[in-house]
Amino acid sequence: MTTTKPIRYAFLQIQNYSMVTFSSAVAALRGANYTSGKNLYEWEVITMDGNPVTASVGFEVGPTKHIDDLNFNGLEALIVCGGTYVDRAYDKHTLSFLRKAASAKVKIGSTCTGSYLLAAAGLLDGYQCTIHWENLAGMREEFPNILMSSNLFAVDRDRFTCSGGNSSLDMMLQIIAQQQGPELAAAVSEMFIMERIRDHHDTQRIPLRLHLGNSQPKLIEAVALMEANLEETISLDDLAQYVGVSRRQLERLFQKHLKCVPSRYYLELRLNRARQLLLQTNLSIIDVSLACGFVSAPHFSKCYRDFFGIPPREERRRFAPGNGIKQESPEQDPFATEPNVN
């Protein structure tokens, strides 16, 4: 009787990794074994130094193995488990290890922000991938050769990435369906009381159309145009013309359904994008302001401070101390002296 060897996965935990995303991925493999009554999958947890690392929730999971103890022979995939502050949670040795795994023809995957490490290692150029929505803007700016997606997960040839939360469960169920058949994947999803298995077409954030229903197509179209044009903004008159309503009608739609005027909604979109870039990339503050449609640095500083209650330079220093982001000197920083707004 021929015995099929279990398919092996290795999970590389990075400091402050997302526990829910990691455990959901492992749970899918365990669920496949339990539901089928067979040892279809095996998995192991590794860290760079062999010692347990702390998850973002504040505790550790063991036992773990040193990366040097991982045998690439017969390994189906290596999955990098990211979380918070991923940009400061790795070194050159980490990237070298990932490249070595890829060279050994091991499939490479990631959960949550783990795709940032794959990108930093040069393993995602020309691939479609995703990351948690809070990090999307920064990834697009820092790695322009990657085909970034805002969907729950992406499977592209020998790379697979998911966004965060329990999206890893959906991603692993799709992989299980490909390897073992859709019937087993469906049975595992039922065990976890899932209404359905979401696929790679599902988006991370709840679309505005689901909040508003299908009764406001003009408003939904206007917001989509705003989101697609944050660097080079569209005037409200042009926006109204594009969606086929008058400016006054557009203002009434925003006021009724979003409780603000269009210009305020547009500004908040740009400021939230600016904050993502500020905290997640090495872009200078001036470049962040330009990338979000602000042609005047003092104006950006004032808008940012009014909205978030703190100047952008101070936000970067306070939120991400010691993260390796270059801080501008007072001579370089246009916000070192607050502008006179009198």
C-alpha atoms as a PDB file:
ATOM      1  CA  MET A   1       0.000   0.000   0.000  1.00  0.00           C
ATOM      2  CA  THR A   2       1.404   3.383  -1.026  1.00  0.00           C
ATOM      3  CA  THR A   3       1.469   6.010   1.699  1.00  0.00           C
ATOM      4  CA  THR A   4       1.409   9.660   0.645  1.00  0.00           C
ATOM      5  CA  LYS A   5       3.729  11.848   2.659  1.00  0.00           C
ATOM      6  CA  PRO A   6       2.142  14.807   4.451  1.00  0.00           C
ATOM      7  CA  ILE A   7       2.582  18.196   2.806  1.00  0.00           C
ATOM      8  CA  ARG A   8       4.988  20.261   4.920  1.00  0.00           C
ATOM      9  CA  TYR A   9       4.663  23.949   5.756  1.00  0.00           C
ATOM     10  CA  ALA A  10       6.989  26.123   7.822  1.00  0.00           C
ATOM     11  CA  PHE A  11       5.874  29.329   9.542  1.00  0.00           C
ATOM     12  CA  LEU A  12       8.534  31.969  10.171  1.00  0.00           C
ATOM     13  CA  GLN A  13       7.384  34.154  13.042  1.00  0.00           C
ATOM     14  CA  ILE A  14       8.565  37.764  13.006  1.00  0.00           C
ATOM     15  CA  GLN A  15       8.582  39.915  16.149  1.00  0.00           C
ATOM     16  CA  ASN A  16       5.105  41.366  16.873  1.00  0.00           C
ATOM     17  CA  TYR A  17       3.467  38.983  14.393  1.00  0.00           C
ATOM     18  CA  SER A  18      -0.320  38.810  14.211  1.00  0.00           C
ATOM     19  CA  MET A  19      -1.479  35.902  16.351  1.00  0.00           C
ATOM     20  CA  VAL A  20      -4.940  35.663  14.788  1.00  0.00           C
ATOM     21  CA  THR A  21      -3.553  35.520  11.245  1.00  0.00           C
ATOM     22  CA  PHE A  22      -0.916  32.928  12.163  1.00  0.00           C
ATOM     23  CA  SER A  23      -3.298  30.727  14.145  1.00  0.00           C
ATOM     24  CA  SER A  24      -5.974  30.891  11.424  1.00  0.00           C
ATOM     25  CA  ALA A  25      -3.511  29.585   8.838  1.00  0.00           C
ATOM     26  CA  VAL A  26      -2.389  26.729  11.081  1.00  0.00           C
ATOM     27  CA  ALA A  27      -5.993  25.967  12.040  1.00  0.00           C
ATOM     28  CA  ALA A  28      -6.882  25.423   8.376  1.00  0.00           C
ATOM     29  CA  LEU A  29      -4.192  22.738   8.059  1.00  0.00           C
ATOM     30  CA  ARG A  30      -5.195  21.096  11.330  1.00  0.00           C
ATOM     31  CA  GLY A  31      -8.838  21.218  10.254  1.00  0.00           C
ATOM     32  CA  ALA A  32      -7.987  19.427   7.014  1.00  0.00           C
ATOM     33  CA  ASN A  33      -6.260  16.647   8.961  1.00  0.00           C
ATOM     34  CA  TYR A  34      -9.104  16.354  11.461  1.00  0.00           C
ATOM     35  CA  THR A  35     -11.916  16.430   8.913  1.00  0.00           C
ATOM     36  CA  SER A  36     -10.288  13.964   6.522  1.00  0.00           C
ATOM     37  CA  GLY A  37      -9.086  11.630   9.251  1.00  0.00           C
ATOM     38  CA  LYS A  38      -5.681  11.633   7.549  1.00  0.00           C
ATOM     39  CA  ASN A  39      -2.320  13.211   8.233  1.00  0.00           C
ATOM     40  CA  LEU A  40      -2.427  15.393   5.121  1.00  0.00           C
ATOM     41  CA  TYR A  41      -0.350  18.251   6.496  1.00  0.00           C
ATOM     42  CA  GLU A  42       2.540  18.827   8.845  1.00  0.00           C
ATOM     43  CA  TRP A  43       3.868  22.172   9.988  1.00  0.00           C
ATOM     44  CA  GLU A  44       6.663  23.617  12.054  1.00  0.00           C
ATOM     45  CA  VAL A  45       7.299  27.021  13.573  1.00  0.00           C
ATOM     46  CA  ILE A  46      10.679  28.663  13.145  1.00  0.00           C
ATOM     47  CA  THR A  47      12.304  31.912  14.244  1.00  0.00           C
ATOM     48  CA  MET A  48      15.531  33.558  13.196  1.00  0.00           C
ATOM     49  CA  ASP A  49      17.380  32.585  16.392  1.00  0.00           C
ATOM     50  CA  GLY A  50      15.322  29.580  17.486  1.00  0.00           C
ATOM     51  CA  ASN A  51      13.820  31.390  20.474  1.00  0.00           C
ATOM     52  CA  PRO A  52      10.106  32.202  20.695  1.00  0.00           C
ATOM     53  CA  VAL A  53       9.162  35.724  19.609  1.00  0.00           C
ATOM     54  CA  THR A  54       6.406  37.830  21.092  1.00  0.00           C
ATOM     55  CA  ALA A  55       3.193  38.244  19.125  1.00  0.00           C
ATOM     56  CA  SER A  56       1.451  41.608  18.888  1.00  0.00           C
ATOM     57  CA  VAL A  57      -0.972  40.451  21.607  1.00  0.00           C
ATOM     58  CA  GLY A  58       1.945  40.144  24.030  1.00  0.00           C
ATOM     59  CA  PHE A  59       2.658  36.439  24.426  1.00  0.00           C
ATOM     60  CA  GLU A  60       4.702  33.700  22.769  1.00  0.00           C
ATOM     61  CA  VAL A  61       3.967  30.381  21.089  1.00  0.00           C
ATOM     62  CA  GLY A  62       6.395  27.474  21.235  1.00  0.00           C
ATOM     63  CA  PRO A  63       8.197  25.317  20.597  1.00  0.00           C
ATOM     64  CA  THR A  64      10.133  26.959  17.807  1.00  0.00           C
ATOM     65  CA  LYS A  65      13.116  25.895  15.735  1.00  0.00           C
ATOM     66  CA  HIS A  66      16.149  27.793  14.499  1.00  0.00           C
ATOM     67  CA  ILE A  67      16.080  28.626  10.801  1.00  0.00           C
ATOM     68  CA  ASP A  68      19.264  26.599  10.312  1.00  0.00           C
ATOM     69  CA  ASP A  69      17.350  23.504  11.426  1.00  0.00           C
ATOM     70  CA  LEU A  70      14.787  23.876   8.647  1.00  0.00           C
ATOM     71  CA  ASN A  71      15.193  21.328   5.871  1.00  0.00           C
ATOM     72  CA  PHE A  72      14.133  22.766   2.515  1.00  0.00           C
ATOM     73  CA  ASN A  73      14.034  19.303   0.977  1.00  0.00           C
ATOM     74  CA  GLY A  74      10.391  18.299   0.629  1.00  0.00           C
ATOM     75  CA  LEU A  75       9.138  21.595   2.076  1.00  0.00           C
ATOM     76  CA  GLU A  76       6.019  22.796   0.255  1.00  0.00           C
ATOM     77  CA  ALA A  77       6.093  26.399   1.428  1.00  0.00           C
ATOM     78  CA  LEU A  78       7.627  28.867   3.844  1.00  0.00           C
ATOM     79  CA  ILE A  79       5.123  31.378   5.251  1.00  0.00           C
ATOM     80  CA  VAL A  80       6.362  34.629   6.800  1.00  0.00           C
ATOM     81  CA  CYS A  81       4.095  35.788   9.628  1.00  0.00           C
ATOM     82  CA  GLY A  82       4.156  39.564   9.989  1.00  0.00           C
ATOM     83  CA  GLY A  83       2.344  42.010  12.207  1.00  0.00           C
ATOM     84  CA  THR A  84       3.017  45.448  13.646  1.00  0.00           C
ATOM     85  CA  TYR A  85       6.237  47.427  13.097  1.00  0.00           C
ATOM     86  CA  VAL A  86       7.339  44.961  10.431  1.00  0.00           C
ATOM     87  CA  ASP A  87       9.735  47.482   8.877  1.00  0.00           C
ATOM     88  CA  ARG A  88      11.993  47.234  11.925  1.00  0.00           C
ATOM     89  CA  ALA A  89      11.566  43.506  12.642  1.00  0.00           C
ATOM     90  CA  TYR A  90      14.132  42.075  10.236  1.00  0.00           C
ATOM     91  CA  ASP A  91      17.754  42.342   9.158  1.00  0.00           C
ATOM     92  CA  LYS A  92      19.946  41.321   6.213  1.00  0.00           C
ATOM     93  CA  HIS A  93      20.170  37.784   7.577  1.00  0.00           C
ATOM     94  CA  THR A  94      16.370  37.471   7.419  1.00  0.00           C
ATOM     95  CA  LEU A  95      16.255  38.605   3.790  1.00  0.00           C
ATOM     96  CA  SER A  96      19.144  36.303   2.868  1.00  0.00           C
ATOM     97  CA  PHE A  97      17.286  33.354   4.405  1.00  0.00           C
ATOM     98  CA  LEU A  98      14.150  34.138   2.383  1.00  0.00           C
ATOM     99  CA  ARG A  99      16.147  34.361  -0.845  1.00  0.00           C
ATOM    100  CA  LYS A 100      17.819  31.046  -0.022  1.00  0.00           C
ATOM    101  CA  ALA A 101      14.416  29.397   0.429  1.00  0.00           C
ATOM    102  CA  ALA A 102      13.190  30.786  -2.892  1.00  0.00           C
ATOM    103  CA  SER A 103      16.360  29.567  -4.623  1.00  0.00           C
ATOM    104  CA  ALA A 104      15.614  26.093  -3.249  1.00  0.00           C
ATOM    105  CA  LYS A 105      12.299  26.207  -5.176  1.00  0.00           C
ATOM    106  CA  VAL A 106      10.263  26.453  -1.988  1.00  0.00           C
ATOM    107  CA  LYS A 107       6.993  28.336  -2.406  1.00  0.00           C
ATOM    108  CA  ILE A 108       6.980  31.557  -0.401  1.00  0.00           C
ATOM    109  CA  GLY A 109       3.921  32.982   1.338  1.00  0.00           C
ATOM    110  CA  SER A 110       3.070  35.525   3.990  1.00  0.00           C
ATOM    111  CA  THR A 111       0.371  36.581   6.411  1.00  0.00           C
ATOM    112  CA  CYS A 112      -0.594  40.122   7.398  1.00  0.00           C
ATOM    113  CA  THR A 113       2.435  42.385   6.807  1.00  0.00           C
ATOM    114  CA  GLY A 114       4.826  39.535   6.075  1.00  0.00           C
ATOM    115  CA  SER A 115       4.682  40.475   2.401  1.00  0.00           C
ATOM    116  CA  TYR A 116       6.758  43.552   3.290  1.00  0.00           C
ATOM    117  CA  LEU A 117       9.704  41.254   4.039  1.00  0.00           C
ATOM    118  CA  LEU A 118       9.186  39.359   0.786  1.00  0.00           C
ATOM    119  CA  ALA A 119       9.206  42.675  -1.057  1.00  0.00           C
ATOM    120  CA  ALA A 120      12.330  43.853   0.771  1.00  0.00           C
ATOM    121  CA  ALA A 121      14.025  40.597  -0.244  1.00  0.00           C
ATOM    122  CA  GLY A 122      13.127  41.236  -3.893  1.00  0.00           C
ATOM    123  CA  LEU A 123      10.875  38.182  -4.065  1.00  0.00           C
ATOM    124  CA  LEU A 124       7.692  39.927  -5.201  1.00  0.00           C
ATOM    125  CA  ASP A 125       8.823  41.976  -8.199  1.00  0.00           C
ATOM    126  CA  GLY A 126       6.375  41.278 -11.016  1.00  0.00           C
ATOM    127  CA  TYR A 127       4.052  39.356  -8.707  1.00  0.00           C
ATOM    128  CA  GLN A 128       0.595  40.245  -7.518  1.00  0.00           C
ATOM    129  CA  CYS A 129       0.405  40.474  -3.755  1.00  0.00           C
ATOM    130  CA  THR A 130      -1.526  42.040  -0.919  1.00  0.00           C
ATOM    131  CA  ILE A 131      -0.906  43.337   2.581  1.00  0.00           C
ATOM    132  CA  HIS A 132      -3.041  44.711   5.394  1.00  0.00           C
ATOM    133  CA  TRP A 133      -4.945  47.749   4.105  1.00  0.00           C
ATOM    134  CA  GLU A 134      -3.177  50.080   6.559  1.00  0.00           C
ATOM    135  CA  ASN A 135       0.115  49.290   4.798  1.00  0.00           C
ATOM    136  CA  LEU A 136      -1.086  49.349   1.185  1.00  0.00           C
ATOM    137  CA  ALA A 137      -0.181  52.956   0.434  1.00  0.00           C
ATOM    138  CA  GLY A 138       3.310  52.577   1.847  1.00  0.00           C
ATOM    139  CA  MET A 139       3.952  49.373  -0.085  1.00  0.00           C
ATOM    140  CA  ARG A 140       2.863  50.964  -3.356  1.00  0.00           C
ATOM    141  CA  GLU A 141       5.197  53.904  -2.841  1.00  0.00           C
ATOM    142  CA  GLU A 142       8.193  51.871  -1.678  1.00  0.00           C
ATOM    143  CA  PHE A 143       7.914  48.928  -4.090  1.00  0.00           C
ATOM    144  CA  PRO A 144       6.562  50.191  -7.440  1.00  0.00           C
ATOM    145  CA  ASN A 145       7.488  46.968  -9.280  1.00  0.00           C
ATOM    146  CA  ILE A 146       4.986  44.916  -7.283  1.00  0.00           C
ATOM    147  CA  LEU A 147       1.392  44.491  -8.430  1.00  0.00           C
ATOM    148  CA  MET A 148      -0.329  45.500  -5.209  1.00  0.00           C
ATOM    149  CA  SER A 149      -3.902  44.371  -4.592  1.00  0.00           C
ATOM    150  CA  SER A 150      -6.423  45.506  -1.996  1.00  0.00           C
ATOM    151  CA  ASN A 151      -8.092  42.089  -1.989  1.00  0.00           C
ATOM    152  CA  LEU A 152      -8.159  39.647   0.921  1.00  0.00           C
ATOM    153  CA  PHE A 153      -5.389  37.498  -0.487  1.00  0.00           C
ATOM    154  CA  ALA A 154      -3.440  36.866  -3.661  1.00  0.00           C
ATOM    155  CA  VAL A 155      -2.067  33.615  -5.070  1.00  0.00           C
ATOM    156  CA  ASP A 156       0.330  34.185  -7.958  1.00  0.00           C
ATOM    157  CA  ARG A 157       2.398  31.238  -9.177  1.00  0.00           C
ATOM    158  CA  ASP A 158       4.793  30.307  -6.333  1.00  0.00           C
ATOM    159  CA  ARG A 159       3.895  33.281  -4.123  1.00  0.00           C
ATOM    160  CA  PHE A 160       0.843  33.706  -1.925  1.00  0.00           C
ATOM    161  CA  THR A 161       0.036  36.559   0.439  1.00  0.00           C
ATOM    162  CA  CYS A 162      -2.913  37.564   2.601  1.00  0.00           C
ATOM    163  CA  SER A 163      -3.965  40.812   4.200  1.00  0.00           C
ATOM    164  CA  GLY A 164      -4.578  40.184   7.886  1.00  0.00           C
ATOM    165  CA  GLY A 165      -7.162  39.098  10.430  1.00  0.00           C
ATOM    166  CA  ASN A 166      -8.690  35.765   9.485  1.00  0.00           C
ATOM    167  CA  SER A 167      -8.014  36.227   5.761  1.00  0.00           C
ATOM    168  CA  SER A 168      -5.282  33.603   6.145  1.00  0.00           C
ATOM    169  CA  LEU A 169      -8.005  31.033   6.808  1.00  0.00           C
ATOM    170  CA  ASP A 170      -9.669  31.820   3.470  1.00  0.00           C
ATOM    171  CA  MET A 171      -6.318  31.752   1.678  1.00  0.00           C
ATOM    172  CA  MET A 172      -5.293  28.411   3.148  1.00  0.00           C
ATOM    173  CA  LEU A 173      -8.716  26.923   2.402  1.00  0.00           C
ATOM    174  CA  GLN A 174      -8.278  27.862  -1.242  1.00  0.00           C
ATOM    175  CA  ILE A 175      -4.874  26.181  -1.238  1.00  0.00           C
ATOM    176  CA  ILE A 176      -6.379  23.105   0.441  1.00  0.00           C
ATOM    177  CA  ALA A 177      -9.093  23.043  -2.229  1.00  0.00           C
ATOM    178  CA  GLN A 178      -6.430  23.063  -4.945  1.00  0.00           C
ATOM    179  CA  GLN A 179      -4.407  20.321  -3.272  1.00  0.00           C
ATOM    180  CA  GLN A 180      -7.123  18.088  -1.804  1.00  0.00           C
ATOM    181  CA  GLY A 181     -10.327  19.089  -3.579  1.00  0.00           C
ATOM    182  CA  PRO A 182     -13.103  21.629  -2.884  1.00  0.00           C
ATOM    183  CA  GLU A 183     -15.180  19.134  -0.892  1.00  0.00           C
ATOM    184  CA  LEU A 184     -12.597  18.929   1.884  1.00  0.00           C
ATOM    185  CA  ALA A 185     -12.139  22.708   1.935  1.00  0.00           C
ATOM    186  CA  ALA A 186     -15.905  23.139   2.277  1.00  0.00           C
ATOM    187  CA  ALA A 187     -16.022  20.607   5.114  1.00  0.00           C
ATOM    188  CA  VAL A 188     -13.253  22.449   6.965  1.00  0.00           C
ATOM    189  CA  SER A 189     -15.062  25.763   6.528  1.00  0.00           C
ATOM    190  CA  GLU A 190     -18.206  24.230   8.011  1.00  0.00           C
ATOM    191  CA  MET A 191     -16.195  23.022  10.993  1.00  0.00           C
ATOM    192  CA  PHE A 192     -15.152  26.625  11.593  1.00  0.00           C
ATOM    193  CA  ILE A 193     -18.766  27.799  11.158  1.00  0.00           C
ATOM    194  CA  MET A 194     -17.916  29.953   8.160  1.00  0.00           C
ATOM    195  CA  GLU A 195     -20.818  31.233   6.107  1.00  0.00           C
ATOM    196  CA  ARG A 196     -18.703  30.872   2.985  1.00  0.00           C
ATOM    197  CA  ILE A 197     -15.107  30.668   1.838  1.00  0.00           C
ATOM    198  CA  ARG A 198     -14.153  34.103   0.607  1.00  0.00           C
ATOM    199  CA  ASP A 199     -12.029  34.115  -2.537  1.00  0.00           C
ATOM    200  CA  HIS A 200      -9.278  36.331  -3.904  1.00  0.00           C
ATOM    201  CA  HIS A 201     -11.826  38.681  -5.466  1.00  0.00           C
ATOM    202  CA  ASP A 202     -13.160  39.761  -2.062  1.00  0.00           C
ATOM    203  CA  THR A 203     -11.831  43.087  -0.823  1.00  0.00           C
ATOM    204  CA  GLN A 204     -10.376  43.782   2.612  1.00  0.00           C
ATOM    205  CA  ARG A 205     -12.511  46.732   3.589  1.00  0.00           C
ATOM    206  CA  ILE A 206     -16.291  46.854   3.432  1.00  0.00           C
ATOM    207  CA  PRO A 207     -17.032  48.744   0.210  1.00  0.00           C
ATOM    208  CA  LEU A 208     -19.026  51.943   0.456  1.00  0.00           C
ATOM    209  CA  ARG A 209     -21.710  50.385  -1.736  1.00  0.00           C
ATOM    210  CA  LEU A 210     -22.421  47.839   1.018  1.00  0.00           C
ATOM    211  CA  HIS A 211     -22.909  50.649   3.520  1.00  0.00           C
ATOM    212  CA  LEU A 212     -25.170  52.594   1.172  1.00  0.00           C
ATOM    213  CA  GLY A 213     -26.696  49.811  -0.893  1.00  0.00           C
ATOM    214  CA  ASN A 214     -27.162  50.160  -4.638  1.00  0.00           C
ATOM    215  CA  SER A 215     -29.371  53.217  -4.391  1.00  0.00           C
ATOM    216  CA  GLN A 216     -26.547  55.795  -4.555  1.00  0.00           C
ATOM    217  CA  PRO A 217     -24.407  54.934  -7.601  1.00  0.00           C
ATOM    218  CA  LYS A 218     -23.441  58.580  -8.220  1.00  0.00           C
ATOM    219  CA  LEU A 219     -22.075  58.995  -4.700  1.00  0.00           C
ATOM    220  CA  ILE A 220     -20.187  55.704  -4.860  1.00  0.00           C
ATOM    221  CA  GLU A 221     -18.676  56.690  -8.207  1.00  0.00           C
ATOM    222  CA  ALA A 222     -17.642  60.096  -6.853  1.00  0.00           C
ATOM    223  CA  VAL A 223     -15.878  58.563  -3.839  1.00  0.00           C
ATOM    224  CA  ALA A 224     -14.113  56.033  -6.076  1.00  0.00           C
ATOM    225  CA  LEU A 225     -12.808  58.887  -8.234  1.00  0.00           C
ATOM    226  CA  MET A 226     -11.564  60.697  -5.136  1.00  0.00           C
ATOM    227  CA  GLU A 227      -9.746  57.595  -3.896  1.00  0.00           C
ATOM    228  CA  ALA A 228      -8.111  57.103  -7.298  1.00  0.00           C
ATOM    229  CA  ASN A 229      -6.925  60.720  -7.502  1.00  0.00           C
ATOM    230  CA  LEU A 230      -5.264  61.628  -4.218  1.00  0.00           C
ATOM    231  CA  GLU A 231      -1.995  62.913  -5.666  1.00  0.00           C
ATOM    232  CA  GLU A 232      -3.485  64.961  -8.490  1.00  0.00           C
ATOM    233  CA  THR A 233      -6.805  66.050  -7.098  1.00  0.00           C
ATOM    234  CA  ILE A 234      -9.977  66.678  -9.078  1.00  0.00           C
ATOM    235  CA  SER A 235     -11.972  69.866  -8.610  1.00  0.00           C
ATOM    236  CA  LEU A 236     -15.498  69.435  -7.289  1.00  0.00           C
ATOM    237  CA  ASP A 237     -16.930  70.908 -10.489  1.00  0.00           C
ATOM    238  CA  ASP A 238     -15.064  68.337 -12.590  1.00  0.00           C
ATOM    239  CA  LEU A 239     -16.016  65.571 -10.170  1.00  0.00           C
ATOM    240  CA  ALA A 240     -19.686  66.449 -10.490  1.00  0.00           C
ATOM    241  CA  GLN A 241     -19.383  66.549 -14.269  1.00  0.00           C
ATOM    242  CA  TYR A 242     -17.686  63.134 -14.380  1.00  0.00           C
ATOM    243  CA  VAL A 243     -20.498  61.471 -12.421  1.00  0.00           C
ATOM    244  CA  GLY A 244     -23.248  63.364 -14.242  1.00  0.00           C
ATOM    245  CA  VAL A 245     -24.732  65.554 -11.518  1.00  0.00           C
ATOM    246  CA  SER A 246     -24.561  69.220 -10.612  1.00  0.00           C
ATOM    247  CA  ARG A 247     -22.151  70.404  -7.949  1.00  0.00           C
ATOM    248  CA  ARG A 248     -25.086  71.252  -5.702  1.00  0.00           C
ATOM    249  CA  GLN A 249     -26.563  67.766  -6.131  1.00  0.00           C
ATOM    250  CA  LEU A 250     -23.190  66.238  -5.279  1.00  0.00           C
ATOM    251  CA  GLU A 251     -22.936  68.333  -2.126  1.00  0.00           C
ATOM    252  CA  ARG A 252     -26.419  67.237  -1.053  1.00  0.00           C
ATOM    253  CA  LEU A 253     -25.543  63.554  -1.591  1.00  0.00           C
ATOM    254  CA  PHE A 254     -22.424  63.824   0.566  1.00  0.00           C
ATOM    255  CA  GLN A 255     -24.213  65.786   3.267  1.00  0.00           C
ATOM    256  CA  LYS A 256     -27.145  63.369   3.431  1.00  0.00           C
ATOM    257  CA  HIS A 257     -25.273  60.056   3.347  1.00  0.00           C
ATOM    258  CA  LEU A 258     -21.744  60.839   4.589  1.00  0.00           C
ATOM    259  CA  LYS A 259     -22.577  63.776   6.883  1.00  0.00           C
ATOM    260  CA  CYS A 260     -19.990  66.124   5.402  1.00  0.00           C
ATOM    261  CA  VAL A 261     -19.331  68.236   2.328  1.00  0.00           C
ATOM    262  CA  PRO A 262     -17.348  66.693  -0.575  1.00  0.00           C
ATOM    263  CA  SER A 263     -14.285  68.878  -0.015  1.00  0.00           C
ATOM    264  CA  ARG A 264     -14.036  67.757   3.616  1.00  0.00           C
ATOM    265  CA  TYR A 265     -14.410  64.080   2.696  1.00  0.00           C
ATOM    266  CA  TYR A 266     -11.729  64.445   0.006  1.00  0.00           C
ATOM    267  CA  LEU A 267      -9.375  66.183   2.442  1.00  0.00           C
ATOM    268  CA  GLU A 268      -9.802  63.428   5.033  1.00  0.00           C
ATOM    269  CA  LEU A 269      -9.007  60.771   2.420  1.00  0.00           C
ATOM    270  CA  ARG A 270      -5.789  62.598   1.546  1.00  0.00           C
ATOM    271  CA  LEU A 271      -4.789  63.141   5.174  1.00  0.00           C
ATOM    272  CA  ASN A 272      -5.368  59.501   6.087  1.00  0.00           C
ATOM    273  CA  ARG A 273      -3.248  58.452   3.112  1.00  0.00           C
ATOM    274  CA  ALA A 274      -0.573  60.926   4.232  1.00  0.00           C
ATOM    275  CA  ARG A 275      -0.534  59.403   7.702  1.00  0.00           C
ATOM    276  CA  GLN A 276      -0.072  55.908   6.270  1.00  0.00           C
ATOM    277  CA  LEU A 277       2.878  57.082   4.172  1.00  0.00           C
ATOM    278  CA  LEU A 278       4.332  59.077   7.040  1.00  0.00           C
ATOM    279  CA  LEU A 279       4.396  56.143   9.439  1.00  0.00           C
ATOM    280  CA  GLN A 280       5.121  53.289   7.050  1.00  0.00           C
ATOM    281  CA  THR A 281       7.655  54.607   4.531  1.00  0.00           C
ATOM    282  CA  ASN A 282      10.964  56.440   4.401  1.00  0.00           C
ATOM    283  CA  LEU A 283       9.511  59.219   2.254  1.00  0.00           C
ATOM    284  CA  SER A 284      10.406  62.702   3.423  1.00  0.00           C
ATOM    285  CA  ILE A 285       7.567  64.762   4.821  1.00  0.00           C
ATOM    286  CA  ILE A 286       7.668  67.007   1.755  1.00  0.00           C
ATOM    287  CA  ASP A 287       7.345  63.977  -0.543  1.00  0.00           C
ATOM    288  CA  VAL A 288       4.448  62.680   1.558  1.00  0.00           C
ATOM    289  CA  SER A 289       2.647  65.988   1.190  1.00  0.00           C
ATOM    290  CA  LEU A 290       3.165  66.012  -2.589  1.00  0.00           C
ATOM    291  CA  ALA A 291       2.024  62.386  -2.907  1.00  0.00           C
ATOM    292  CA  CYS A 292      -1.246  63.359  -1.254  1.00  0.00           C
ATOM    293  CA  GLY A 293      -2.039  66.413  -3.339  1.00  0.00           C
ATOM    294  CA  PHE A 294      -0.701  69.207  -1.120  1.00  0.00           C
ATOM    295  CA  VAL A 295       1.297  71.725  -3.145  1.00  0.00           C
ATOM    296  CA  SER A 296       2.154  73.835  -0.090  1.00  0.00           C
ATOM    297  CA  ALA A 297       4.153  72.306   2.761  1.00  0.00           C
ATOM    298  CA  PRO A 298       2.870  74.783   5.388  1.00  0.00           C
ATOM    299  CA  HIS A 299      -0.711  74.124   4.271  1.00  0.00           C
ATOM    300  CA  PHE A 300      -0.168  70.366   4.635  1.00  0.00           C
ATOM    301  CA  SER A 301       1.296  70.872   8.107  1.00  0.00           C
ATOM    302  CA  LYS A 302      -1.650  72.987   9.228  1.00  0.00           C
ATOM    303  CA  CYS A 303      -4.277  70.596   7.802  1.00  0.00           C
ATOM    304  CA  TYR A 304      -2.524  67.603   9.352  1.00  0.00           C
ATOM    305  CA  ARG A 305      -2.256  69.265  12.752  1.00  0.00           C
ATOM    306  CA  ASP A 306      -5.878  70.411  12.677  1.00  0.00           C
ATOM    307  CA  PHE A 307      -7.126  66.912  11.802  1.00  0.00           C
ATOM    308  CA  PHE A 308      -4.844  64.670  13.892  1.00  0.00           C
ATOM    309  CA  GLY A 309      -3.945  67.140  16.636  1.00  0.00           C
ATOM    310  CA  ILE A 310      -0.199  66.855  16.045  1.00  0.00           C
ATOM    311  CA  PRO A 311       2.226  68.148  13.362  1.00  0.00           C
ATOM    312  CA  PRO A 312       3.435  65.506  10.881  1.00  0.00           C
ATOM    313  CA  ARG A 313       7.076  65.691  11.966  1.00  0.00           C
ATOM    314  CA  GLU A 314       6.128  65.173  15.611  1.00  0.00           C
ATOM    315  CA  GLU A 315       3.746  62.341  14.657  1.00  0.00           C
ATOM    316  CA  ARG A 316       6.560  60.458  12.940  1.00  0.00           C
ATOM    317  CA  ARG A 317       8.927  60.970  15.868  1.00  0.00           C
ATOM    318  CA  ARG A 318       6.363  59.980  18.509  1.00  0.00           C
ATOM    319  CA  PHE A 319       4.742  57.032  16.776  1.00  0.00           C
ATOM    320  CA  ALA A 320       7.833  55.329  15.413  1.00  0.00           C
ATOM    321  CA  PRO A 321      10.841  56.032  17.626  1.00  0.00           C
ATOM    322  CA  GLY A 322      14.027  54.337  16.513  1.00  0.00           C
ATOM    323  CA  ASN A 323      12.515  52.837  13.389  1.00  0.00           C
ATOM    324  CA  GLY A 324      15.342  53.860  11.141  1.00  0.00           C
ATOM    325  CA  ILE A 325      13.368  56.532   9.299  1.00  0.00           C
ATOM    326  CA  LYS A 326      15.596  59.476   8.543  1.00  0.00           C
ATOM    327  CA  GLN A 327      14.467  62.574  10.401  1.00  0.00           C
ATOM    328  CA  GLU A 328      14.883  65.901   8.659  1.00  0.00           C
ATOM    329  CA  SER A 329      17.148  68.447  10.275  1.00  0.00           C
ATOM    330  CA  PRO A 330      15.611  71.829  11.178  1.00  0.00           C
ATOM    331  CA  GLU A 331      17.218  73.291   8.049  1.00  0.00           C
ATOM    332  CA  GLN A 332      15.543  70.660   5.855  1.00  0.00           C
ATOM    333  CA  ASP A 333      12.234  70.496   7.682  1.00  0.00           C
ATOM    334  CA  PRO A 334       9.685  73.061   6.494  1.00  0.00           C
ATOM    335  CA  PHE A 335       7.662  72.421   9.658  1.00  0.00           C
ATOM    336  CA  ALA A 336      10.408  73.127  12.194  1.00  0.00           C
ATOM    337  CA  THR A 337       8.969  76.630  12.505  1.00  0.00           C
ATOM    338  CA  GLU A 338       5.212  76.836  12.434  1.00  0.00           C
ATOM    339  CA  PRO A 339       3.892  79.077   9.660  1.00  0.00           C
ATOM    340  CA  ASN A 340       2.356  82.410  10.487  1.00  0.00           C
ATOM    341  CA  VAL A 341      -1.327  81.998   9.690  1.00  0.00           C
ATOM    342  CA  ASN A 342      -2.435  85.428  10.829  1.00  0.00           C
END
